[in-house]
Amino acid sequence: MIPIDAHTRLCAVIGKPVSQSLSPAIHNAAFAALGLNYSYSAFEIEDVAAFLTELRAMPSFRGVSVTIPHKLAVIPHLDELDPMAARVGSVNTITNDNGRLIGATTDGPGALRAFAREGIDLAGKRVLFLGAGGAVRAVACAVADTPGVERVTLLARDPAKADALATILGRATGRVIEPGSLASDLAKALMSHDVIVNGTPVGMTPKSVQQSPIPSQLLRPDHVVFDMVYKPNETRLIREAKAAGCQVVYGIEMLIEQAALQFKRWTGLDAPIEIMRAAAMGAAT
């Protein structure tokens, strides 16, 4: 690790909780590998406005990763949004440019890179999202923008939230996004979709690690299952999907890919992605 001194550029992840975050391990490994005088921490934050006011006044604070539940809450306190973040209304990356706070989302592009790394072509596919949170906003928008994707459906515990997000994404992408209820529409939707993306926290350490958002008997060998939950790396959903013969995409791959895009924004350098992957895998065990 590079010693912290008066010239160190600071970065952090904010959320509640953040104890499960692998981002400090990922980014600090990348900074060290390239010999950069950067340091990355984790802050559990409740008052987003107060934190961002302090951030604006600290020129040494270069960047922030934003996780649940703050991906929407930070937006009113930023000076600028990149086009994708503005379209979907979700921010997972903040860059401090000499007191000017710029919001972006790397979740969507990171997810597409994770699909591509596994050799999954989304053209002609019907994609089902479970959940309606900030990460789903960004990833569903990126998927809906992908040429050739046949259909995008959103199911949430609260159907009103699914309907509202489907409307937002429909306006952003110019295509019909179909909403529905996790309670009543899941089984039918699984029969008619090829790719399933879990954007709910079900399966996450520690509260629901023994749970899965999908009954295992509803999984088919021709399903592609992508679980955004990355801790544990091998969630119950991933285990049961593999047992059913599904191709799977691990949430940690999206985490690594989106972190690499953040790294580029904050440093201007290409990320040492294999170093980041090794750090993530080590921290996830």
C-alpha atoms as a PDB file:
ATOM      1  CA  MET A   1       0.000   0.000   0.000  1.00  0.00           C
ATOM      2  CA  ILE A   2       1.128   3.564  -0.745  1.00  0.00           C
ATOM      3  CA  PRO A   3       1.625   5.526   2.534  1.00  0.00           C
ATOM      4  CA  ILE A   4      -1.134   8.093   3.137  1.00  0.00           C
ATOM      5  CA  ASP A   5       0.189  11.663   3.187  1.00  0.00           C
ATOM      6  CA  ALA A   6      -0.925  15.214   2.435  1.00  0.00           C
ATOM      7  CA  HIS A   7      -1.043  14.451  -1.287  1.00  0.00           C
ATOM      8  CA  THR A   8      -3.219  11.326  -1.071  1.00  0.00           C
ATOM      9  CA  ARG A   9      -6.394  11.389  -3.153  1.00  0.00           C
ATOM     10  CA  LEU A  10      -9.324   9.930  -1.227  1.00  0.00           C
ATOM     11  CA  CYS A  11     -12.175   7.725  -2.462  1.00  0.00           C
ATOM     12  CA  ALA A  12     -14.900   5.846  -0.603  1.00  0.00           C
ATOM     13  CA  VAL A  13     -18.106   3.870  -0.820  1.00  0.00           C
ATOM     14  CA  ILE A  14     -21.171   5.240   0.972  1.00  0.00           C
ATOM     15  CA  GLY A  15     -24.345   3.390   1.871  1.00  0.00           C
ATOM     16  CA  LYS A  16     -26.167   1.735   4.724  1.00  0.00           C
ATOM     17  CA  PRO A  17     -24.939  -0.864   5.382  1.00  0.00           C
ATOM     18  CA  VAL A  18     -21.438  -0.919   3.864  1.00  0.00           C
ATOM     19  CA  SER A  19     -19.825  -3.585   6.035  1.00  0.00           C
ATOM     20  CA  GLN A  20     -20.360  -6.173   3.298  1.00  0.00           C
ATOM     21  CA  SER A  21     -18.753  -4.043   0.561  1.00  0.00           C
ATOM     22  CA  LEU A  22     -15.797  -5.492  -1.355  1.00  0.00           C
ATOM     23  CA  SER A  23     -15.073  -2.134  -2.998  1.00  0.00           C
ATOM     24  CA  PRO A  24     -12.281  -1.064  -0.593  1.00  0.00           C
ATOM     25  CA  ALA A  25     -10.351  -4.271  -1.298  1.00  0.00           C
ATOM     26  CA  ILE A  26     -10.885  -3.952  -5.058  1.00  0.00           C
ATOM     27  CA  HIS A  27      -9.908  -0.308  -5.437  1.00  0.00           C
ATOM     28  CA  ASN A  28      -7.023  -0.288  -2.962  1.00  0.00           C
ATOM     29  CA  ALA A  29      -5.477  -3.286  -4.734  1.00  0.00           C
ATOM     30  CA  ALA A  30      -5.751  -1.444  -8.058  1.00  0.00           C
ATOM     31  CA  PHE A  31      -4.254   1.770  -6.648  1.00  0.00           C
ATOM     32  CA  ALA A  32      -1.345  -0.169  -5.123  1.00  0.00           C
ATOM     33  CA  ALA A  33      -0.710  -2.150  -8.311  1.00  0.00           C
ATOM     34  CA  LEU A  34      -0.237   1.060 -10.306  1.00  0.00           C
ATOM     35  CA  GLY A  35       1.624   2.888  -7.532  1.00  0.00           C
ATOM     36  CA  LEU A  36      -1.036   5.588  -7.218  1.00  0.00           C
ATOM     37  CA  ASN A  37      -1.259   7.791  -4.133  1.00  0.00           C
ATOM     38  CA  TYR A  38      -4.949   7.032  -3.615  1.00  0.00           C
ATOM     39  CA  SER A  39      -6.803   5.489  -0.670  1.00  0.00           C
ATOM     40  CA  TYR A  40     -10.329   4.015  -0.589  1.00  0.00           C
ATOM     41  CA  SER A  41     -12.522   3.647   2.524  1.00  0.00           C
ATOM     42  CA  ALA A  42     -16.112   2.698   3.432  1.00  0.00           C
ATOM     43  CA  PHE A  43     -18.501   5.075   5.203  1.00  0.00           C
ATOM     44  CA  GLU A  44     -21.931   4.207   6.564  1.00  0.00           C
ATOM     45  CA  ILE A  45     -23.885   7.391   5.858  1.00  0.00           C
ATOM     46  CA  GLU A  46     -27.398   8.455   6.797  1.00  0.00           C
ATOM     47  CA  ASP A  47     -27.315  12.189   5.982  1.00  0.00           C
ATOM     48  CA  VAL A  48     -26.413  12.268   2.293  1.00  0.00           C
ATOM     49  CA  ALA A  49     -26.754  16.056   1.981  1.00  0.00           C
ATOM     50  CA  ALA A  50     -24.350  16.725   4.863  1.00  0.00           C
ATOM     51  CA  PHE A  51     -21.799  14.243   3.532  1.00  0.00           C
ATOM     52  CA  LEU A  52     -21.817  15.718   0.033  1.00  0.00           C
ATOM     53  CA  THR A  53     -21.490  19.245   1.407  1.00  0.00           C
ATOM     54  CA  GLU A  54     -18.323  18.159   3.227  1.00  0.00           C
ATOM     55  CA  LEU A  55     -17.094  16.292   0.152  1.00  0.00           C
ATOM     56  CA  ARG A  56     -17.447  19.393  -2.007  1.00  0.00           C
ATOM     57  CA  ALA A  57     -15.157  21.285   0.392  1.00  0.00           C
ATOM     58  CA  MET A  58     -12.403  18.628   0.308  1.00  0.00           C
ATOM     59  CA  PRO A  59     -10.358  18.915  -2.913  1.00  0.00           C
ATOM     60  CA  SER A  60      -8.361  15.815  -1.979  1.00  0.00           C
ATOM     61  CA  PHE A  61     -11.565  13.704  -2.048  1.00  0.00           C
ATOM     62  CA  ARG A  62     -11.700  12.478  -5.632  1.00  0.00           C
ATOM     63  CA  GLY A  63     -14.483   9.913  -5.889  1.00  0.00           C
ATOM     64  CA  VAL A  64     -17.393   8.119  -4.243  1.00  0.00           C
ATOM     65  CA  SER A  65     -19.101   4.826  -4.978  1.00  0.00           C
ATOM     66  CA  VAL A  66     -22.784   4.933  -4.007  1.00  0.00           C
ATOM     67  CA  THR A  67     -24.639   1.826  -2.880  1.00  0.00           C
ATOM     68  CA  ILE A  68     -28.036   1.067  -1.326  1.00  0.00           C
ATOM     69  CA  PRO A  69     -30.046   2.967  -0.264  1.00  0.00           C
ATOM     70  CA  HIS A  70     -28.512   6.209  -1.632  1.00  0.00           C
ATOM     71  CA  LYS A  71     -28.382   5.782  -5.433  1.00  0.00           C
ATOM     72  CA  LEU A  72     -31.393   8.055  -5.924  1.00  0.00           C
ATOM     73  CA  ALA A  73     -30.994  10.209  -2.804  1.00  0.00           C
ATOM     74  CA  VAL A  74     -27.661  11.713  -3.894  1.00  0.00           C
ATOM     75  CA  ILE A  75     -29.006  13.147  -7.146  1.00  0.00           C
ATOM     76  CA  PRO A  76     -30.528  16.438  -5.863  1.00  0.00           C
ATOM     77  CA  HIS A  77     -27.185  17.340  -4.264  1.00  0.00           C
ATOM     78  CA  LEU A  78     -25.031  16.933  -7.389  1.00  0.00           C
ATOM     79  CA  ASP A  79     -24.001  19.602  -9.890  1.00  0.00           C
ATOM     80  CA  GLU A  80     -24.130  17.473 -13.016  1.00  0.00           C
ATOM     81  CA  LEU A  81     -25.285  14.049 -14.230  1.00  0.00           C
ATOM     82  CA  ASP A  82     -23.891  12.115 -17.155  1.00  0.00           C
ATOM     83  CA  PRO A  83     -26.478  11.242 -19.829  1.00  0.00           C
ATOM     84  CA  MET A  84     -27.164   7.669 -18.644  1.00  0.00           C
ATOM     85  CA  ALA A  85     -27.546   8.665 -14.992  1.00  0.00           C
ATOM     86  CA  ALA A  86     -29.904  11.465 -16.004  1.00  0.00           C
ATOM     87  CA  ARG A  87     -32.009   9.091 -18.083  1.00  0.00           C
ATOM     88  CA  VAL A  88     -32.477   6.444 -15.406  1.00  0.00           C
ATOM     89  CA  GLY A  89     -32.361   8.608 -12.282  1.00  0.00           C
ATOM     90  CA  SER A  90     -29.729   6.485 -10.535  1.00  0.00           C
ATOM     91  CA  VAL A  91     -26.128   7.286  -9.546  1.00  0.00           C
ATOM     92  CA  ASN A  92     -23.490   4.858  -8.304  1.00  0.00           C
ATOM     93  CA  THR A  93     -20.424   6.999  -9.035  1.00  0.00           C
ATOM     94  CA  ILE A  94     -19.560  10.553  -7.992  1.00  0.00           C
ATOM     95  CA  THR A  95     -16.463  12.390  -9.177  1.00  0.00           C
ATOM     96  CA  ASN A  96     -15.293  15.516  -7.330  1.00  0.00           C
ATOM     97  CA  ASP A  97     -13.919  17.859  -9.980  1.00  0.00           C
ATOM     98  CA  ASN A  98     -12.511  20.728  -7.893  1.00  0.00           C
ATOM     99  CA  GLY A  99     -15.701  21.091  -5.869  1.00  0.00           C
ATOM    100  CA  ARG A 100     -18.060  20.275  -8.712  1.00  0.00           C
ATOM    101  CA  LEU A 101     -19.801  16.945  -8.069  1.00  0.00           C
ATOM    102  CA  ILE A 102     -20.560  14.890 -11.169  1.00  0.00           C
ATOM    103  CA  GLY A 103     -22.836  11.850 -10.953  1.00  0.00           C
ATOM    104  CA  ALA A 104     -22.673   8.829 -13.232  1.00  0.00           C
ATOM    105  CA  THR A 105     -23.752   5.212 -13.324  1.00  0.00           C
ATOM    106  CA  THR A 106     -21.373   2.395 -14.169  1.00  0.00           C
ATOM    107  CA  ASP A 107     -23.816  -0.345 -13.082  1.00  0.00           C
ATOM    108  CA  GLY A 108     -25.409  -0.782 -16.515  1.00  0.00           C
ATOM    109  CA  PRO A 109     -22.198  -0.858 -18.564  1.00  0.00           C
ATOM    110  CA  GLY A 110     -20.598  -3.048 -15.886  1.00  0.00           C
ATOM    111  CA  ALA A 111     -23.435  -5.579 -16.159  1.00  0.00           C
ATOM    112  CA  LEU A 112     -23.170  -5.678 -19.959  1.00  0.00           C
ATOM    113  CA  ARG A 113     -19.430  -6.295 -19.662  1.00  0.00           C
ATOM    114  CA  ALA A 114     -20.133  -9.133 -17.211  1.00  0.00           C
ATOM    115  CA  PHE A 115     -22.545 -10.736 -19.699  1.00  0.00           C
ATOM    116  CA  ALA A 116     -20.008 -10.348 -22.498  1.00  0.00           C
ATOM    117  CA  ARG A 117     -17.218 -11.872 -20.373  1.00  0.00           C
ATOM    118  CA  GLU A 118     -19.378 -15.010 -20.032  1.00  0.00           C
ATOM    119  CA  GLY A 119     -20.008 -15.081 -23.776  1.00  0.00           C
ATOM    120  CA  ILE A 120     -23.703 -14.239 -23.433  1.00  0.00           C
ATOM    121  CA  ASP A 121     -25.272 -12.442 -26.394  1.00  0.00           C
ATOM    122  CA  LEU A 122     -28.493 -10.682 -25.363  1.00  0.00           C
ATOM    123  CA  ALA A 123     -29.765 -10.323 -28.932  1.00  0.00           C
ATOM    124  CA  GLY A 124     -33.061 -12.159 -29.298  1.00  0.00           C
ATOM    125  CA  LYS A 125     -33.332 -12.690 -25.552  1.00  0.00           C
ATOM    126  CA  ARG A 126     -36.276 -12.004 -23.227  1.00  0.00           C
ATOM    127  CA  VAL A 127     -34.868 -10.548 -20.023  1.00  0.00           C
ATOM    128  CA  LEU A 128     -36.649 -10.654 -16.657  1.00  0.00           C
ATOM    129  CA  PHE A 129     -35.585  -8.388 -13.773  1.00  0.00           C
ATOM    130  CA  LEU A 130     -36.502  -9.079 -10.164  1.00  0.00           C
ATOM    131  CA  GLY A 131     -36.582  -5.858  -8.139  1.00  0.00           C
ATOM    132  CA  ALA A 132     -36.987  -2.167  -8.822  1.00  0.00           C
ATOM    133  CA  GLY A 133     -34.070  -0.535  -6.990  1.00  0.00           C
ATOM    134  CA  GLY A 134     -31.325   1.767  -8.216  1.00  0.00           C
ATOM    135  CA  ALA A 135     -29.086  -0.949  -9.669  1.00  0.00           C
ATOM    136  CA  VAL A 136     -32.015  -2.496 -11.551  1.00  0.00           C
ATOM    137  CA  ARG A 137     -32.836   0.933 -13.000  1.00  0.00           C
ATOM    138  CA  ALA A 138     -29.379   1.254 -14.496  1.00  0.00           C
ATOM    139  CA  VAL A 139     -28.933  -2.335 -15.652  1.00  0.00           C
ATOM    140  CA  ALA A 140     -32.438  -2.633 -17.117  1.00  0.00           C
ATOM    141  CA  CYS A 141     -31.908   0.591 -19.058  1.00  0.00           C
ATOM    142  CA  ALA A 142     -28.602  -0.686 -20.452  1.00  0.00           C
ATOM    143  CA  VAL A 143     -30.209  -4.004 -21.401  1.00  0.00           C
ATOM    144  CA  ALA A 144     -33.200  -2.285 -23.013  1.00  0.00           C
ATOM    145  CA  ASP A 145     -30.765  -0.176 -25.050  1.00  0.00           C
ATOM    146  CA  THR A 146     -28.944  -3.277 -26.311  1.00  0.00           C
ATOM    147  CA  PRO A 147     -29.712  -3.932 -29.986  1.00  0.00           C
ATOM    148  CA  GLY A 148     -31.806  -7.015 -30.603  1.00  0.00           C
ATOM    149  CA  VAL A 149     -33.087  -7.594 -27.054  1.00  0.00           C
ATOM    150  CA  GLU A 150     -36.578  -8.960 -27.600  1.00  0.00           C
ATOM    151  CA  ARG A 151     -38.324  -8.136 -24.329  1.00  0.00           C
ATOM    152  CA  VAL A 152     -37.688  -6.593 -20.902  1.00  0.00           C
ATOM    153  CA  THR A 153     -39.910  -7.282 -17.881  1.00  0.00           C
ATOM    154  CA  LEU A 154     -39.713  -5.920 -14.321  1.00  0.00           C
ATOM    155  CA  LEU A 155     -41.233  -7.678 -11.312  1.00  0.00           C
ATOM    156  CA  ALA A 156     -41.210  -6.158  -7.823  1.00  0.00           C
ATOM    157  CA  ARG A 157     -42.708  -6.907  -4.421  1.00  0.00           C
ATOM    158  CA  ASP A 158     -44.623  -3.642  -4.806  1.00  0.00           C
ATOM    159  CA  PRO A 159     -46.256  -3.707  -8.261  1.00  0.00           C
ATOM    160  CA  ALA A 160     -46.685   0.075  -8.134  1.00  0.00           C
ATOM    161  CA  LYS A 161     -42.892   0.460  -7.989  1.00  0.00           C
ATOM    162  CA  ALA A 162     -42.463  -1.886 -10.929  1.00  0.00           C
ATOM    163  CA  ASP A 163     -45.061   0.074 -12.885  1.00  0.00           C
ATOM    164  CA  ALA A 164     -43.414   3.414 -12.062  1.00  0.00           C
ATOM    165  CA  LEU A 165     -39.958   2.170 -13.051  1.00  0.00           C
ATOM    166  CA  ALA A 166     -41.279   0.597 -16.248  1.00  0.00           C
ATOM    167  CA  THR A 167     -42.731   3.987 -17.189  1.00  0.00           C
ATOM    168  CA  ILE A 168     -39.415   5.762 -16.467  1.00  0.00           C
ATOM    169  CA  LEU A 169     -37.407   3.242 -18.461  1.00  0.00           C
ATOM    170  CA  GLY A 170     -39.944   3.237 -21.283  1.00  0.00           C
ATOM    171  CA  ARG A 171     -39.486   6.983 -21.677  1.00  0.00           C
ATOM    172  CA  ALA A 172     -35.705   6.664 -21.422  1.00  0.00           C
ATOM    173  CA  THR A 173     -35.345   3.859 -23.962  1.00  0.00           C
ATOM    174  CA  GLY A 174     -38.312   4.353 -26.261  1.00  0.00           C
ATOM    175  CA  ARG A 175     -39.530   0.792 -25.824  1.00  0.00           C
ATOM    176  CA  VAL A 176     -42.233  -0.968 -23.843  1.00  0.00           C
ATOM    177  CA  ILE A 177     -41.041  -2.312 -20.477  1.00  0.00           C
ATOM    178  CA  GLU A 178     -43.522  -4.736 -18.942  1.00  0.00           C
ATOM    179  CA  PRO A 179     -44.134  -4.444 -15.154  1.00  0.00           C
ATOM    180  CA  GLY A 180     -45.568  -7.004 -12.774  1.00  0.00           C
ATOM    181  CA  SER A 181     -45.724  -8.491  -9.288  1.00  0.00           C
ATOM    182  CA  LEU A 182     -43.158 -10.875  -7.801  1.00  0.00           C
ATOM    183  CA  ALA A 183     -45.885 -12.478  -5.741  1.00  0.00           C
ATOM    184  CA  SER A 184     -48.319 -13.271  -8.541  1.00  0.00           C
ATOM    185  CA  ASP A 185     -46.402 -13.094 -11.855  1.00  0.00           C
ATOM    186  CA  LEU A 186     -43.056 -14.801 -11.197  1.00  0.00           C
ATOM    187  CA  ALA A 187     -43.897 -18.356 -12.229  1.00  0.00           C
ATOM    188  CA  LYS A 188     -45.514 -17.328 -15.493  1.00  0.00           C
ATOM    189  CA  ALA A 189     -42.744 -14.866 -16.312  1.00  0.00           C
ATOM    190  CA  LEU A 190     -40.047 -17.488 -15.779  1.00  0.00           C
ATOM    191  CA  MET A 191     -41.749 -19.688 -18.367  1.00  0.00           C
ATOM    192  CA  SER A 192     -41.535 -16.988 -21.033  1.00  0.00           C
ATOM    193  CA  HIS A 193     -38.089 -15.442 -20.403  1.00  0.00           C
ATOM    194  CA  ASP A 194     -34.550 -16.550 -21.222  1.00  0.00           C
ATOM    195  CA  VAL A 195     -32.427 -14.393 -18.904  1.00  0.00           C
ATOM    196  CA  ILE A 196     -33.248 -13.773 -15.241  1.00  0.00           C
ATOM    197  CA  VAL A 197     -31.537 -10.962 -13.318  1.00  0.00           C
ATOM    198  CA  ASN A 198     -31.931 -10.873  -9.541  1.00  0.00           C
ATOM    199  CA  GLY A 199     -31.743  -7.252  -8.406  1.00  0.00           C
ATOM    200  CA  THR A 200     -33.294  -7.880  -4.991  1.00  0.00           C
ATOM    201  CA  PRO A 201     -31.192  -8.308  -1.803  1.00  0.00           C
ATOM    202  CA  VAL A 202     -32.577 -11.826  -1.259  1.00  0.00           C
ATOM    203  CA  GLY A 203     -29.627 -14.153  -0.728  1.00  0.00           C
ATOM    204  CA  MET A 204     -27.303 -11.499   0.647  1.00  0.00           C
ATOM    205  CA  THR A 205     -25.106 -11.960   3.704  1.00  0.00           C
ATOM    206  CA  PRO A 206     -26.104 -12.040   6.515  1.00  0.00           C
ATOM    207  CA  LYS A 207     -29.885 -11.661   6.683  1.00  0.00           C
ATOM    208  CA  SER A 208     -31.116 -13.861   3.837  1.00  0.00           C
ATOM    209  CA  VAL A 209     -28.104 -15.948   2.852  1.00  0.00           C
ATOM    210  CA  GLN A 210     -30.154 -19.170   2.993  1.00  0.00           C
ATOM    211  CA  GLN A 211     -32.900 -17.778   0.762  1.00  0.00           C
ATOM    212  CA  SER A 212     -33.457 -17.537  -2.981  1.00  0.00           C
ATOM    213  CA  PRO A 213     -35.902 -15.247  -4.808  1.00  0.00           C
ATOM    214  CA  ILE A 214     -36.799 -18.076  -7.202  1.00  0.00           C
ATOM    215  CA  PRO A 215     -38.182 -21.531  -6.310  1.00  0.00           C
ATOM    216  CA  SER A 216     -35.627 -23.983  -7.675  1.00  0.00           C
ATOM    217  CA  GLN A 217     -38.251 -26.074  -9.482  1.00  0.00           C
ATOM    218  CA  LEU A 218     -39.024 -23.122 -11.757  1.00  0.00           C
ATOM    219  CA  LEU A 219     -35.480 -22.960 -13.173  1.00  0.00           C
ATOM    220  CA  ARG A 220     -34.823 -24.534 -16.591  1.00  0.00           C
ATOM    221  CA  PRO A 221     -31.509 -25.607 -18.170  1.00  0.00           C
ATOM    222  CA  ASP A 222     -31.969 -23.005 -20.929  1.00  0.00           C
ATOM    223  CA  HIS A 223     -32.174 -20.114 -18.433  1.00  0.00           C
ATOM    224  CA  VAL A 224     -29.305 -17.688 -17.944  1.00  0.00           C
ATOM    225  CA  VAL A 225     -29.301 -16.585 -14.295  1.00  0.00           C
ATOM    226  CA  PHE A 226     -27.494 -13.428 -13.197  1.00  0.00           C
ATOM    227  CA  ASP A 227     -27.507 -12.677  -9.466  1.00  0.00           C
ATOM    228  CA  MET A 228     -26.437  -9.117  -8.607  1.00  0.00           C
ATOM    229  CA  VAL A 229     -25.841 -10.222  -5.013  1.00  0.00           C
ATOM    230  CA  TYR A 230     -22.083 -10.723  -4.642  1.00  0.00           C
ATOM    231  CA  LYS A 231     -21.673 -11.601  -0.977  1.00  0.00           C
ATOM    232  CA  PRO A 232     -21.665 -14.503  -0.699  1.00  0.00           C
ATOM    233  CA  ASN A 233     -20.212 -15.082  -4.141  1.00  0.00           C
ATOM    234  CA  GLU A 234     -22.039 -18.410  -4.424  1.00  0.00           C
ATOM    235  CA  THR A 235     -25.593 -17.466  -3.443  1.00  0.00           C
ATOM    236  CA  ARG A 236     -28.325 -20.035  -3.022  1.00  0.00           C
ATOM    237  CA  LEU A 237     -29.826 -18.842  -6.323  1.00  0.00           C
ATOM    238  CA  ILE A 238     -26.522 -19.401  -8.126  1.00  0.00           C
ATOM    239  CA  ARG A 239     -26.081 -22.852  -6.570  1.00  0.00           C
ATOM    240  CA  GLU A 240     -29.581 -23.941  -7.523  1.00  0.00           C
ATOM    241  CA  ALA A 241     -29.289 -22.467 -11.014  1.00  0.00           C
ATOM    242  CA  LYS A 242     -26.079 -24.401 -11.631  1.00  0.00           C
ATOM    243  CA  ALA A 243     -27.716 -27.570 -10.318  1.00  0.00           C
ATOM    244  CA  ALA A 244     -30.577 -27.003 -12.781  1.00  0.00           C
ATOM    245  CA  GLY A 245     -28.096 -26.740 -15.678  1.00  0.00           C
ATOM    246  CA  CYS A 246     -28.428 -22.976 -16.151  1.00  0.00           C
ATOM    247  CA  GLN A 247     -25.615 -20.757 -17.319  1.00  0.00           C
ATOM    248  CA  VAL A 248     -24.852 -18.324 -14.501  1.00  0.00           C
ATOM    249  CA  VAL A 249     -23.317 -14.873 -14.144  1.00  0.00           C
ATOM    250  CA  TYR A 250     -21.894 -14.019 -10.736  1.00  0.00           C
ATOM    251  CA  GLY A 251     -22.691 -10.665  -9.167  1.00  0.00           C
ATOM    252  CA  ILE A 252     -19.029 -10.183  -8.326  1.00  0.00           C
ATOM    253  CA  GLU A 253     -18.270  -9.908 -12.057  1.00  0.00           C
ATOM    254  CA  MET A 254     -20.589  -6.920 -12.388  1.00  0.00           C
ATOM    255  CA  LEU A 255     -19.006  -5.410  -9.268  1.00  0.00           C
ATOM    256  CA  ILE A 256     -15.518  -5.751 -10.743  1.00  0.00           C
ATOM    257  CA  GLU A 257     -16.486  -4.420 -14.168  1.00  0.00           C
ATOM    258  CA  GLN A 258     -18.329  -1.375 -12.810  1.00  0.00           C
ATOM    259  CA  ALA A 259     -15.434  -0.693 -10.409  1.00  0.00           C
ATOM    260  CA  ALA A 260     -13.009  -0.713 -13.345  1.00  0.00           C
ATOM    261  CA  LEU A 261     -15.109   1.973 -15.030  1.00  0.00           C
ATOM    262  CA  GLN A 262     -15.103   4.027 -11.815  1.00  0.00           C
ATOM    263  CA  PHE A 263     -11.323   3.670 -11.567  1.00  0.00           C
ATOM    264  CA  LYS A 264     -10.970   5.094 -15.078  1.00  0.00           C
ATOM    265  CA  ARG A 265     -13.149   8.086 -14.198  1.00  0.00           C
ATOM    266  CA  TRP A 266     -11.194   8.916 -11.045  1.00  0.00           C
ATOM    267  CA  THR A 267      -7.642   8.301 -12.253  1.00  0.00           C
ATOM    268  CA  GLY A 268      -7.809   8.612 -16.035  1.00  0.00           C
ATOM    269  CA  LEU A 269      -6.034   5.250 -16.276  1.00  0.00           C
ATOM    270  CA  ASP A 270      -7.152   1.830 -17.441  1.00  0.00           C
ATOM    271  CA  ALA A 271      -7.901  -0.389 -14.473  1.00  0.00           C
ATOM    272  CA  PRO A 272      -5.753  -3.467 -13.730  1.00  0.00           C
ATOM    273  CA  ILE A 273      -8.837  -5.635 -13.866  1.00  0.00           C
ATOM    274  CA  GLU A 274      -7.206  -8.982 -13.082  1.00  0.00           C
ATOM    275  CA  ILE A 275      -5.666  -7.448  -9.943  1.00  0.00           C
ATOM    276  CA  MET A 276      -9.136  -6.178  -9.020  1.00  0.00           C
ATOM    277  CA  ARG A 277     -10.669  -9.602  -9.653  1.00  0.00           C
ATOM    278  CA  ALA A 278      -8.092 -11.350  -7.468  1.00  0.00           C
ATOM    279  CA  ALA A 279      -8.702  -8.848  -4.651  1.00  0.00           C
ATOM    280  CA  ALA A 280     -12.473  -9.270  -4.937  1.00  0.00           C
ATOM    281  CA  MET A 281     -12.281 -13.050  -4.874  1.00  0.00           C
ATOM    282  CA  GLY A 282      -9.961 -12.966  -1.890  1.00  0.00           C
ATOM    283  CA  ALA A 283     -12.213 -10.607   0.041  1.00  0.00           C
ATOM    284  CA  ALA A 284     -15.364 -12.571  -0.820  1.00  0.00           C
ATOM    285  CA  THR A 285     -14.174 -15.806   0.787  1.00  0.00           C
END
